[in-house]
Amino acid sequence: MEKTHLLIIGSGPAGYTAAIYASRAGIKPILYQGIQPGGQLTITTEVENYPGYPEGIQGPEMMIHFEKQAARMGADIRYGMVTKVDFSKQPYAIEIDEEHTIEADAVIISTGASAKWLGLESEERLNGFGVSACAVCDGFFFKGKEVAIVGAGDTAAEEALYLSKLCTTVHMIVRSATMRASKVMQDRVLKTENIKIYWNSNTDEILGENKVSGVRIHNTQTNEKTEVPISGFFVAIGHKPNSDLFKGFIDMDEAGYIKTIPGSTKTNIEGVFAAGDVQDKIYRQAVTSAGSGCMAALDAERYLSEKFS
């Protein structure tokens, strides 16, 4: 059976940064990239808000840079999927692709989170070409234009307000007659003149061939369908942390985000750490994920040196 001091589960900014720091510390970690090497940034086009790229960079290209840097530092980066974990005793047993098992003294979980989508063909086809699940990431590209956003919770309200400062009009599509957002957020949205709310409405289809040009909105009360010309379409119906694999071992909140001890990346299991969007439901940015990946590597390094030196 293969044995390692540190196994990193998942790639993306958190996993690759953890691998860079752990490798520089001489730990020689093994990193399994998972089903989507590079994480959510591989389905993002232009990234302009990550420090160090004054001209911006394509999301997939940036993740290639992260991967190459981690490999150059000595990380053992492998393509494969963790299919089962056993954190009941040390060393921890991690099953890969249902084929073989690795024993690890410490584990960093950086499996990220996945945006929830509406499930429309046009949404999938135009993803990255005007369709986005992150207004903070992509809103700047629609400055001075009309956009639509679907959702009714605090995240949708926050992103609608953010977009209202950049865009001429924000068309907000709400499924019911009320919003789920907190009252203070609802009040802010309702008082913002350039946010137009479509109550009792669903997204029938996102319009456009090679880029978003409009949206067809279906009012479920009147059965009326309205086509609105827009340049961007934002989905804000929530994220799902990729944490199901660790249920029964790791403490999570009601939404499935991994709980970490405040001021650290430590979980309730000794020697198991969590970084990035799998434990961050507030910020969900590439730069904050990278920062928590750094923290996880430093926490793991201290743990290993104290436990096994």
C-alpha atoms as a PDB file:
ATOM      1  CA  MET A   1       0.000   0.000   0.000  1.00  0.00           C
ATOM      2  CA  GLU A   2       1.287   3.458  -0.915  1.00  0.00           C
ATOM      3  CA  LYS A   3       2.002   5.852   1.954  1.00  0.00           C
ATOM      4  CA  THR A   4       2.409   9.638   2.022  1.00  0.00           C
ATOM      5  CA  HIS A   5       2.792  12.290   4.680  1.00  0.00           C
ATOM      6  CA  LEU A   6       0.303  14.625   3.012  1.00  0.00           C
ATOM      7  CA  LEU A   7      -2.476  14.029   0.513  1.00  0.00           C
ATOM      8  CA  ILE A   8      -4.281  16.967  -1.104  1.00  0.00           C
ATOM      9  CA  ILE A   9      -7.752  16.179  -2.449  1.00  0.00           C
ATOM     10  CA  GLY A  10      -8.796  18.510  -5.257  1.00  0.00           C
ATOM     11  CA  SER A  11      -7.102  21.095  -7.404  1.00  0.00           C
ATOM     12  CA  GLY A  12      -8.011  24.715  -8.128  1.00  0.00           C
ATOM     13  CA  PRO A  13      -6.415  27.730  -6.406  1.00  0.00           C
ATOM     14  CA  ALA A  14      -6.676  26.203  -2.906  1.00  0.00           C
ATOM     15  CA  GLY A  15      -5.284  22.778  -3.757  1.00  0.00           C
ATOM     16  CA  TYR A  16      -2.479  23.984  -5.995  1.00  0.00           C
ATOM     17  CA  THR A  17      -1.413  26.699  -3.530  1.00  0.00           C
ATOM     18  CA  ALA A  18      -1.386  24.146  -0.714  1.00  0.00           C
ATOM     19  CA  ALA A  19       0.783  21.922  -2.919  1.00  0.00           C
ATOM     20  CA  ILE A  20       3.209  24.787  -3.626  1.00  0.00           C
ATOM     21  CA  TYR A  21       3.675  25.629   0.048  1.00  0.00           C
ATOM     22  CA  ALA A  22       3.846  22.025   1.218  1.00  0.00           C
ATOM     23  CA  SER A  23       6.388  21.161  -1.476  1.00  0.00           C
ATOM     24  CA  ARG A  24       8.605  24.108  -0.569  1.00  0.00           C
ATOM     25  CA  ALA A  25       8.499  22.867   3.024  1.00  0.00           C
ATOM     26  CA  GLY A  26       9.907  19.526   1.862  1.00  0.00           C
ATOM     27  CA  ILE A  27       6.753  17.505   2.577  1.00  0.00           C
ATOM     28  CA  LYS A  28       6.449  16.109  -0.996  1.00  0.00           C
ATOM     29  CA  PRO A  29       2.643  16.016  -1.098  1.00  0.00           C
ATOM     30  CA  ILE A  30       0.518  13.966  -3.465  1.00  0.00           C
ATOM     31  CA  LEU A  31      -2.349  15.882  -5.081  1.00  0.00           C
ATOM     32  CA  TYR A  32      -5.288  14.265  -6.845  1.00  0.00           C
ATOM     33  CA  GLN A  33      -6.939  16.702  -9.234  1.00  0.00           C
ATOM     34  CA  GLY A  34     -10.443  15.271  -9.163  1.00  0.00           C
ATOM     35  CA  ILE A  35     -13.104  15.270 -11.845  1.00  0.00           C
ATOM     36  CA  GLN A  36     -12.458  18.903 -12.859  1.00  0.00           C
ATOM     37  CA  PRO A  37      -8.713  19.679 -12.754  1.00  0.00           C
ATOM     38  CA  GLY A  38      -8.354  23.365 -12.002  1.00  0.00           C
ATOM     39  CA  GLY A  39     -11.820  23.695 -10.487  1.00  0.00           C
ATOM     40  CA  GLN A  40     -14.418  26.320 -11.388  1.00  0.00           C
ATOM     41  CA  LEU A  41     -11.853  28.626 -12.982  1.00  0.00           C
ATOM     42  CA  THR A  42     -11.562  26.214 -15.894  1.00  0.00           C
ATOM     43  CA  ILE A  43     -15.064  27.268 -16.973  1.00  0.00           C
ATOM     44  CA  THR A  44     -14.307  30.967 -16.471  1.00  0.00           C
ATOM     45  CA  THR A  45     -13.098  33.113 -19.341  1.00  0.00           C
ATOM     46  CA  GLU A  46     -11.345  36.380 -18.460  1.00  0.00           C
ATOM     47  CA  VAL A  47      -9.999  36.792 -14.915  1.00  0.00           C
ATOM     48  CA  GLU A  48      -9.129  40.408 -14.160  1.00  0.00           C
ATOM     49  CA  ASN A  49      -9.252  40.559 -10.366  1.00  0.00           C
ATOM     50  CA  TYR A  50      -6.414  38.184  -9.459  1.00  0.00           C
ATOM     51  CA  PRO A  51      -3.250  40.075  -8.416  1.00  0.00           C
ATOM     52  CA  GLY A  52      -0.211  39.714 -10.645  1.00  0.00           C
ATOM     53  CA  TYR A  53      -1.995  39.675 -13.999  1.00  0.00           C
ATOM     54  CA  PRO A  54      -2.207  43.358 -15.043  1.00  0.00           C
ATOM     55  CA  GLU A  55      -3.662  42.491 -18.446  1.00  0.00           C
ATOM     56  CA  GLY A  56      -5.989  39.807 -17.075  1.00  0.00           C
ATOM     57  CA  ILE A  57      -5.792  36.112 -17.922  1.00  0.00           C
ATOM     58  CA  GLN A  58      -8.055  33.302 -19.037  1.00  0.00           C
ATOM     59  CA  GLY A  59      -9.182  31.110 -16.151  1.00  0.00           C
ATOM     60  CA  PRO A  60      -7.947  27.803 -17.655  1.00  0.00           C
ATOM     61  CA  GLU A  61      -4.562  29.344 -18.449  1.00  0.00           C
ATOM     62  CA  MET A  62      -4.165  30.616 -14.904  1.00  0.00           C
ATOM     63  CA  MET A  63      -4.864  27.153 -13.535  1.00  0.00           C
ATOM     64  CA  ILE A  64      -2.210  25.714 -15.855  1.00  0.00           C
ATOM     65  CA  HIS A  65       0.240  28.228 -14.329  1.00  0.00           C
ATOM     66  CA  PHE A  66      -0.768  27.136 -10.817  1.00  0.00           C
ATOM     67  CA  GLU A  67      -0.325  23.470 -11.727  1.00  0.00           C
ATOM     68  CA  LYS A  68       3.086  24.007 -13.360  1.00  0.00           C
ATOM     69  CA  GLN A  69       4.339  25.960 -10.353  1.00  0.00           C
ATOM     70  CA  ALA A  70       3.208  23.249  -7.940  1.00  0.00           C
ATOM     71  CA  ALA A  71       4.864  20.585 -10.109  1.00  0.00           C
ATOM     72  CA  ARG A  72       8.084  22.591 -10.336  1.00  0.00           C
ATOM     73  CA  MET A  73       8.185  22.789  -6.540  1.00  0.00           C
ATOM     74  CA  GLY A  74       8.013  19.000  -6.375  1.00  0.00           C
ATOM     75  CA  ALA A  75       4.354  18.183  -5.838  1.00  0.00           C
ATOM     76  CA  ASP A  76       3.250  14.793  -7.171  1.00  0.00           C
ATOM     77  CA  ILE A  77       0.183  15.839  -9.190  1.00  0.00           C
ATOM     78  CA  ARG A  78      -2.022  13.021 -10.397  1.00  0.00           C
ATOM     79  CA  TYR A  79      -5.188  12.775 -12.424  1.00  0.00           C
ATOM     80  CA  GLY A  80      -7.733  10.750 -10.506  1.00  0.00           C
ATOM     81  CA  MET A  81     -10.760  10.816  -8.270  1.00  0.00           C
ATOM     82  CA  VAL A  82     -10.978  10.134  -4.553  1.00  0.00           C
ATOM     83  CA  THR A  83     -13.910   7.756  -4.222  1.00  0.00           C
ATOM     84  CA  LYS A  84     -13.847   6.910  -0.507  1.00  0.00           C
ATOM     85  CA  VAL A  85     -12.155   8.049   2.694  1.00  0.00           C
ATOM     86  CA  ASP A  86     -11.716   6.532   6.121  1.00  0.00           C
ATOM     87  CA  PHE A  87     -10.804   9.103   8.752  1.00  0.00           C
ATOM     88  CA  SER A  88     -11.591   6.792  11.681  1.00  0.00           C
ATOM     89  CA  LYS A  89      -7.950   6.020  12.433  1.00  0.00           C
ATOM     90  CA  GLN A  90      -4.449   7.081  11.439  1.00  0.00           C
ATOM     91  CA  PRO A  91      -2.905   6.792   8.976  1.00  0.00           C
ATOM     92  CA  TYR A  92      -6.005   7.779   7.049  1.00  0.00           C
ATOM     93  CA  ALA A  93      -7.087   5.549   4.157  1.00  0.00           C
ATOM     94  CA  ILE A  94      -8.081   7.241   0.902  1.00  0.00           C
ATOM     95  CA  GLU A  95      -9.428   5.197  -1.990  1.00  0.00           C
ATOM     96  CA  ILE A  96      -8.566   6.369  -5.511  1.00  0.00           C
ATOM     97  CA  ASP A  97     -10.809   5.606  -8.505  1.00  0.00           C
ATOM     98  CA  GLU A  98     -12.229   2.598  -6.599  1.00  0.00           C
ATOM     99  CA  GLU A  99      -8.980   0.815  -7.491  1.00  0.00           C
ATOM    100  CA  HIS A 100      -6.260   1.398  -4.916  1.00  0.00           C
ATOM    101  CA  THR A 101      -5.797   2.971  -1.501  1.00  0.00           C
ATOM    102  CA  ILE A 102      -3.274   5.479  -0.206  1.00  0.00           C
ATOM    103  CA  GLU A 103      -2.457   5.952   3.470  1.00  0.00           C
ATOM    104  CA  ALA A 104      -1.830   9.551   4.562  1.00  0.00           C
ATOM    105  CA  ASP A 105      -0.676  11.055   7.838  1.00  0.00           C
ATOM    106  CA  ALA A 106      -2.468  14.316   6.991  1.00  0.00           C
ATOM    107  CA  VAL A 107      -5.053  15.374   4.437  1.00  0.00           C
ATOM    108  CA  ILE A 108      -6.028  18.721   2.929  1.00  0.00           C
ATOM    109  CA  ILE A 109      -9.548  18.816   1.488  1.00  0.00           C
ATOM    110  CA  SER A 110      -9.832  21.357  -1.333  1.00  0.00           C
ATOM    111  CA  THR A 111     -12.663  19.906  -3.382  1.00  0.00           C
ATOM    112  CA  GLY A 112     -14.380  23.266  -3.942  1.00  0.00           C
ATOM    113  CA  ALA A 113     -18.034  23.959  -4.587  1.00  0.00           C
ATOM    114  CA  SER A 114     -20.191  23.768  -7.672  1.00  0.00           C
ATOM    115  CA  ALA A 115     -22.605  26.471  -8.750  1.00  0.00           C
ATOM    116  CA  LYS A 116     -26.211  25.406  -9.021  1.00  0.00           C
ATOM    117  CA  TRP A 117     -27.596  25.913 -12.512  1.00  0.00           C
ATOM    118  CA  LEU A 118     -31.059  26.150 -14.010  1.00  0.00           C
ATOM    119  CA  GLY A 119     -30.492  23.211 -16.327  1.00  0.00           C
ATOM    120  CA  LEU A 120     -31.231  24.994 -19.605  1.00  0.00           C
ATOM    121  CA  GLU A 121     -29.488  23.959 -22.823  1.00  0.00           C
ATOM    122  CA  SER A 122     -28.886  27.621 -23.684  1.00  0.00           C
ATOM    123  CA  GLU A 123     -27.399  28.215 -20.226  1.00  0.00           C
ATOM    124  CA  GLU A 124     -24.833  25.462 -20.734  1.00  0.00           C
ATOM    125  CA  ARG A 125     -24.078  26.480 -24.324  1.00  0.00           C
ATOM    126  CA  LEU A 126     -23.507  30.148 -23.462  1.00  0.00           C
ATOM    127  CA  ASN A 127     -21.619  29.533 -20.213  1.00  0.00           C
ATOM    128  CA  GLY A 128     -18.570  31.787 -20.439  1.00  0.00           C
ATOM    129  CA  PHE A 129     -20.109  33.735 -23.317  1.00  0.00           C
ATOM    130  CA  GLY A 130     -22.349  35.979 -21.247  1.00  0.00           C
ATOM    131  CA  VAL A 131     -23.639  33.407 -18.765  1.00  0.00           C
ATOM    132  CA  SER A 132     -21.932  33.442 -15.371  1.00  0.00           C
ATOM    133  CA  ALA A 133     -22.468  32.277 -11.800  1.00  0.00           C
ATOM    134  CA  CYS A 134     -20.342  35.033 -10.256  1.00  0.00           C
ATOM    135  CA  ALA A 135     -21.234  38.710 -10.575  1.00  0.00           C
ATOM    136  CA  VAL A 136     -18.170  39.819  -8.615  1.00  0.00           C
ATOM    137  CA  CYS A 137     -15.955  37.851 -10.998  1.00  0.00           C
ATOM    138  CA  ASP A 138     -17.565  38.855 -14.288  1.00  0.00           C
ATOM    139  CA  GLY A 139     -19.772  41.883 -13.701  1.00  0.00           C
ATOM    140  CA  PHE A 140     -17.085  44.325 -14.834  1.00  0.00           C
ATOM    141  CA  PHE A 141     -17.304  42.990 -18.395  1.00  0.00           C
ATOM    142  CA  PHE A 142     -20.885  44.251 -18.620  1.00  0.00           C
ATOM    143  CA  LYS A 143     -20.264  47.789 -17.431  1.00  0.00           C
ATOM    144  CA  GLY A 144     -22.780  50.154 -18.994  1.00  0.00           C
ATOM    145  CA  LYS A 145     -24.920  47.302 -20.335  1.00  0.00           C
ATOM    146  CA  GLU A 146     -28.174  45.593 -19.381  1.00  0.00           C
ATOM    147  CA  VAL A 147     -28.002  42.249 -17.559  1.00  0.00           C
ATOM    148  CA  ALA A 148     -30.324  39.773 -15.904  1.00  0.00           C
ATOM    149  CA  ILE A 149     -29.904  37.813 -12.697  1.00  0.00           C
ATOM    150  CA  VAL A 150     -31.970  34.895 -11.424  1.00  0.00           C
ATOM    151  CA  GLY A 151     -32.335  34.167  -7.714  1.00  0.00           C
ATOM    152  CA  ALA A 152     -34.105  35.405  -4.605  1.00  0.00           C
ATOM    153  CA  GLY A 153     -31.750  34.826  -1.671  1.00  0.00           C
ATOM    154  CA  ASP A 154     -29.148  37.033  -0.017  1.00  0.00           C
ATOM    155  CA  THR A 155     -26.514  36.105  -2.585  1.00  0.00           C
ATOM    156  CA  ALA A 156     -28.807  37.065  -5.470  1.00  0.00           C
ATOM    157  CA  ALA A 157     -29.685  40.334  -3.754  1.00  0.00           C
ATOM    158  CA  GLU A 158     -26.041  41.164  -3.062  1.00  0.00           C
ATOM    159  CA  GLU A 159     -25.037  40.384  -6.630  1.00  0.00           C
ATOM    160  CA  ALA A 160     -27.961  42.376  -8.055  1.00  0.00           C
ATOM    161  CA  LEU A 161     -26.861  45.383  -5.985  1.00  0.00           C
ATOM    162  CA  TYR A 162     -23.264  44.911  -7.114  1.00  0.00           C
ATOM    163  CA  LEU A 163     -24.341  44.769 -10.760  1.00  0.00           C
ATOM    164  CA  SER A 164     -26.585  47.816 -10.338  1.00  0.00           C
ATOM    165  CA  LYS A 165     -23.485  49.936  -9.734  1.00  0.00           C
ATOM    166  CA  LEU A 166     -21.962  48.813 -13.028  1.00  0.00           C
ATOM    167  CA  CYS A 167     -24.883  48.192 -15.367  1.00  0.00           C
ATOM    168  CA  THR A 168     -27.612  50.427 -16.740  1.00  0.00           C
ATOM    169  CA  THR A 169     -30.401  48.002 -15.790  1.00  0.00           C
ATOM    170  CA  VAL A 170     -30.487  44.773 -13.809  1.00  0.00           C
ATOM    171  CA  HIS A 171     -33.460  42.543 -14.608  1.00  0.00           C
ATOM    172  CA  MET A 172     -33.978  40.343 -11.536  1.00  0.00           C
ATOM    173  CA  ILE A 173     -35.990  37.174 -12.092  1.00  0.00           C
ATOM    174  CA  VAL A 174     -37.718  35.858  -8.959  1.00  0.00           C
ATOM    175  CA  ARG A 175     -39.582  32.559  -9.029  1.00  0.00           C
ATOM    176  CA  SER A 176     -42.272  33.430  -6.457  1.00  0.00           C
ATOM    177  CA  ALA A 177     -44.114  36.485  -5.197  1.00  0.00           C
ATOM    178  CA  THR A 178     -41.571  37.059  -2.434  1.00  0.00           C
ATOM    179  CA  MET A 179     -37.809  36.968  -1.940  1.00  0.00           C
ATOM    180  CA  ARG A 180     -35.951  34.687   0.457  1.00  0.00           C
ATOM    181  CA  ALA A 181     -33.320  37.332   1.146  1.00  0.00           C
ATOM    182  CA  SER A 182     -33.144  39.045   4.531  1.00  0.00           C
ATOM    183  CA  LYS A 183     -35.409  42.060   4.929  1.00  0.00           C
ATOM    184  CA  VAL A 184     -32.529  44.530   4.879  1.00  0.00           C
ATOM    185  CA  MET A 185     -31.275  43.107   1.575  1.00  0.00           C
ATOM    186  CA  GLN A 186     -34.774  43.108   0.100  1.00  0.00           C
ATOM    187  CA  ASP A 187     -35.242  46.746   1.076  1.00  0.00           C
ATOM    188  CA  ARG A 188     -31.980  47.710  -0.603  1.00  0.00           C
ATOM    189  CA  VAL A 189     -32.932  45.910  -3.803  1.00  0.00           C
ATOM    190  CA  LEU A 190     -36.423  47.421  -3.872  1.00  0.00           C
ATOM    191  CA  LYS A 191     -35.016  50.929  -3.355  1.00  0.00           C
ATOM    192  CA  THR A 192     -32.482  50.603  -6.188  1.00  0.00           C
ATOM    193  CA  GLU A 193     -34.001  52.313  -9.199  1.00  0.00           C
ATOM    194  CA  ASN A 194     -32.169  50.405 -11.921  1.00  0.00           C
ATOM    195  CA  ILE A 195     -33.108  46.947 -10.586  1.00  0.00           C
ATOM    196  CA  LYS A 196     -36.310  45.738 -12.231  1.00  0.00           C
ATOM    197  CA  ILE A 197     -37.893  42.713 -10.533  1.00  0.00           C
ATOM    198  CA  TYR A 198     -39.968  40.116 -12.385  1.00  0.00           C
ATOM    199  CA  TRP A 199     -42.088  38.365  -9.745  1.00  0.00           C
ATOM    200  CA  ASN A 200     -43.583  34.880 -10.206  1.00  0.00           C
ATOM    201  CA  SER A 201     -41.262  34.342 -13.128  1.00  0.00           C
ATOM    202  CA  ASN A 202     -39.004  31.674 -14.560  1.00  0.00           C
ATOM    203  CA  THR A 203     -36.278  31.817 -17.154  1.00  0.00           C
ATOM    204  CA  ASP A 204     -37.727  30.221 -20.246  1.00  0.00           C
ATOM    205  CA  GLU A 205     -34.596  30.521 -22.369  1.00  0.00           C
ATOM    206  CA  ILE A 206     -31.386  32.529 -22.676  1.00  0.00           C
ATOM    207  CA  LEU A 207     -31.214  33.985 -26.164  1.00  0.00           C
ATOM    208  CA  GLY A 208     -28.175  34.243 -28.425  1.00  0.00           C
ATOM    209  CA  GLU A 209     -26.054  32.141 -30.751  1.00  0.00           C
ATOM    210  CA  ASN A 210     -22.409  32.785 -29.841  1.00  0.00           C
ATOM    211  CA  LYS A 211     -23.047  35.187 -26.961  1.00  0.00           C
ATOM    212  CA  VAL A 212     -25.958  36.267 -24.796  1.00  0.00           C
ATOM    213  CA  SER A 213     -28.298  38.699 -26.536  1.00  0.00           C
ATOM    214  CA  GLY A 214     -31.465  38.380 -24.473  1.00  0.00           C
ATOM    215  CA  VAL A 215     -33.625  36.333 -22.128  1.00  0.00           C
ATOM    216  CA  ARG A 216     -37.181  35.066 -22.423  1.00  0.00           C
ATOM    217  CA  ILE A 217     -39.023  35.380 -19.106  1.00  0.00           C
ATOM    218  CA  HIS A 218     -42.172  33.393 -18.337  1.00  0.00           C
ATOM    219  CA  ASN A 219     -44.645  34.784 -15.830  1.00  0.00           C
ATOM    220  CA  THR A 220     -46.233  31.725 -14.226  1.00  0.00           C
ATOM    221  CA  GLN A 221     -49.273  33.685 -13.009  1.00  0.00           C
ATOM    222  CA  THR A 222     -50.312  35.311 -16.284  1.00  0.00           C
ATOM    223  CA  ASN A 223     -48.541  32.797 -18.581  1.00  0.00           C
ATOM    224  CA  GLU A 224     -47.106  35.809 -20.402  1.00  0.00           C
ATOM    225  CA  LYS A 225     -43.670  35.506 -21.992  1.00  0.00           C
ATOM    226  CA  THR A 226     -41.432  38.539 -22.352  1.00  0.00           C
ATOM    227  CA  GLU A 227     -38.162  38.820 -24.287  1.00  0.00           C
ATOM    228  CA  VAL A 228     -35.689  41.248 -22.748  1.00  0.00           C
ATOM    229  CA  PRO A 229     -32.491  42.289 -24.578  1.00  0.00           C
ATOM    230  CA  ILE A 230     -29.457  41.792 -22.311  1.00  0.00           C
ATOM    231  CA  SER A 231     -25.709  41.252 -22.651  1.00  0.00           C
ATOM    232  CA  GLY A 232     -25.123  39.163 -19.531  1.00  0.00           C
ATOM    233  CA  PHE A 233     -27.057  36.556 -17.572  1.00  0.00           C
ATOM    234  CA  PHE A 234     -26.110  35.725 -13.978  1.00  0.00           C
ATOM    235  CA  VAL A 235     -27.266  32.651 -12.073  1.00  0.00           C
ATOM    236  CA  ALA A 236     -27.412  33.180  -8.301  1.00  0.00           C
ATOM    237  CA  ILE A 237     -29.424  30.267  -6.992  1.00  0.00           C
ATOM    238  CA  GLY A 238     -26.688  28.978  -4.717  1.00  0.00           C
ATOM    239  CA  HIS A 239     -23.639  26.733  -4.607  1.00  0.00           C
ATOM    240  CA  LYS A 240     -23.237  23.170  -3.444  1.00  0.00           C
ATOM    241  CA  PRO A 241     -19.980  22.356  -1.645  1.00  0.00           C
ATOM    242  CA  ASN A 242     -18.343  19.171  -2.925  1.00  0.00           C
ATOM    243  CA  SER A 243     -18.250  17.577   0.501  1.00  0.00           C
ATOM    244  CA  ASP A 244     -20.539  14.530   0.292  1.00  0.00           C
ATOM    245  CA  LEU A 245     -17.513  12.240   0.298  1.00  0.00           C
ATOM    246  CA  PHE A 246     -16.620  13.292   3.846  1.00  0.00           C
ATOM    247  CA  LYS A 247     -20.020  13.011   5.512  1.00  0.00           C
ATOM    248  CA  GLY A 248     -19.931  10.952   8.681  1.00  0.00           C
ATOM    249  CA  PHE A 249     -16.396  12.069   9.476  1.00  0.00           C
ATOM    250  CA  ILE A 250     -16.153  15.841   9.053  1.00  0.00           C
ATOM    251  CA  ASP A 251     -18.395  18.393  10.768  1.00  0.00           C
ATOM    252  CA  MET A 252     -20.397  20.479   8.278  1.00  0.00           C
ATOM    253  CA  ASP A 253     -23.091  23.120   8.399  1.00  0.00           C
ATOM    254  CA  GLU A 254     -26.626  22.569   7.153  1.00  0.00           C
ATOM    255  CA  ALA A 255     -25.607  23.406   3.575  1.00  0.00           C
ATOM    256  CA  GLY A 256     -22.687  20.969   3.568  1.00  0.00           C
ATOM    257  CA  TYR A 257     -19.836  23.467   3.969  1.00  0.00           C
ATOM    258  CA  ILE A 258     -17.000  22.022   6.058  1.00  0.00           C
ATOM    259  CA  LYS A 259     -16.596  23.667   9.439  1.00  0.00           C
ATOM    260  CA  THR A 260     -13.096  24.774  10.367  1.00  0.00           C
ATOM    261  CA  ILE A 261     -11.783  26.072  13.669  1.00  0.00           C
ATOM    262  CA  PRO A 262     -11.825  29.904  13.466  1.00  0.00           C
ATOM    263  CA  GLY A 263      -8.428  31.312  12.521  1.00  0.00           C
ATOM    264  CA  SER A 264      -7.282  28.023  11.028  1.00  0.00           C
ATOM    265  CA  THR A 265      -8.087  25.376   8.442  1.00  0.00           C
ATOM    266  CA  LYS A 266      -8.362  22.596  11.033  1.00  0.00           C
ATOM    267  CA  THR A 267     -11.440  20.382  10.957  1.00  0.00           C
ATOM    268  CA  ASN A 268     -12.822  18.279  13.809  1.00  0.00           C
ATOM    269  CA  ILE A 269     -10.531  15.422  12.699  1.00  0.00           C
ATOM    270  CA  GLU A 270      -6.912  15.661  13.797  1.00  0.00           C
ATOM    271  CA  GLY A 271      -4.612  16.077  10.810  1.00  0.00           C
ATOM    272  CA  VAL A 272      -7.419  16.814   8.334  1.00  0.00           C
ATOM    273  CA  PHE A 273      -7.640  20.360   6.990  1.00  0.00           C
ATOM    274  CA  ALA A 274     -10.043  22.115   4.624  1.00  0.00           C
ATOM    275  CA  ALA A 275      -9.369  25.018   2.264  1.00  0.00           C
ATOM    276  CA  GLY A 276     -11.127  26.938  -0.467  1.00  0.00           C
ATOM    277  CA  ASP A 277     -14.762  26.979  -1.471  1.00  0.00           C
ATOM    278  CA  VAL A 278     -15.594  23.673   0.230  1.00  0.00           C
ATOM    279  CA  GLN A 279     -15.388  25.574   3.532  1.00  0.00           C
ATOM    280  CA  ASP A 280     -15.970  29.170   2.402  1.00  0.00           C
ATOM    281  CA  LYS A 281     -19.570  30.145   1.687  1.00  0.00           C
ATOM    282  CA  ILE A 282     -18.971  33.883   2.031  1.00  0.00           C
ATOM    283  CA  TYR A 283     -16.203  35.053  -0.308  1.00  0.00           C
ATOM    284  CA  ARG A 284     -15.728  32.296  -2.904  1.00  0.00           C
ATOM    285  CA  GLN A 285     -12.964  34.090  -4.819  1.00  0.00           C
ATOM    286  CA  ALA A 286      -9.837  32.644  -6.408  1.00  0.00           C
ATOM    287  CA  VAL A 287      -7.583  34.836  -4.288  1.00  0.00           C
ATOM    288  CA  THR A 288      -9.273  33.873  -1.000  1.00  0.00           C
ATOM    289  CA  SER A 289      -9.153  30.202  -1.994  1.00  0.00           C
ATOM    290  CA  ALA A 290      -5.433  30.495  -2.697  1.00  0.00           C
ATOM    291  CA  GLY A 291      -4.949  32.203   0.664  1.00  0.00           C
ATOM    292  CA  SER A 292      -6.730  29.432   2.536  1.00  0.00           C
ATOM    293  CA  GLY A 293      -4.686  26.855   0.600  1.00  0.00           C
ATOM    294  CA  CYS A 294      -1.569  28.536   1.949  1.00  0.00           C
ATOM    295  CA  MET A 295      -3.028  28.413   5.467  1.00  0.00           C
ATOM    296  CA  ALA A 296      -3.871  24.713   5.119  1.00  0.00           C
ATOM    297  CA  ALA A 297      -0.340  23.850   4.010  1.00  0.00           C
ATOM    298  CA  LEU A 298       1.167  25.777   6.921  1.00  0.00           C
ATOM    299  CA  ASP A 299      -1.256  24.140   9.368  1.00  0.00           C
ATOM    300  CA  ALA A 300      -0.423  20.714   7.932  1.00  0.00           C
ATOM    301  CA  GLU A 301       3.325  21.394   8.077  1.00  0.00           C
ATOM    302  CA  ARG A 302       3.125  22.355  11.752  1.00  0.00           C
ATOM    303  CA  TYR A 303       0.966  19.349  12.520  1.00  0.00           C
ATOM    304  CA  LEU A 304       3.296  16.898  10.791  1.00  0.00           C
ATOM    305  CA  SER A 305       6.431  18.355  12.343  1.00  0.00           C
ATOM    306  CA  GLU A 306       4.942  18.187  15.834  1.00  0.00           C
ATOM    307  CA  LYS A 307       3.409  14.728  15.387  1.00  0.00           C
ATOM    308  CA  PHE A 308       6.088  12.873  13.471  1.00  0.00           C
ATOM    309  CA  SER A 309       9.411  14.658  14.042  1.00  0.00           C
END
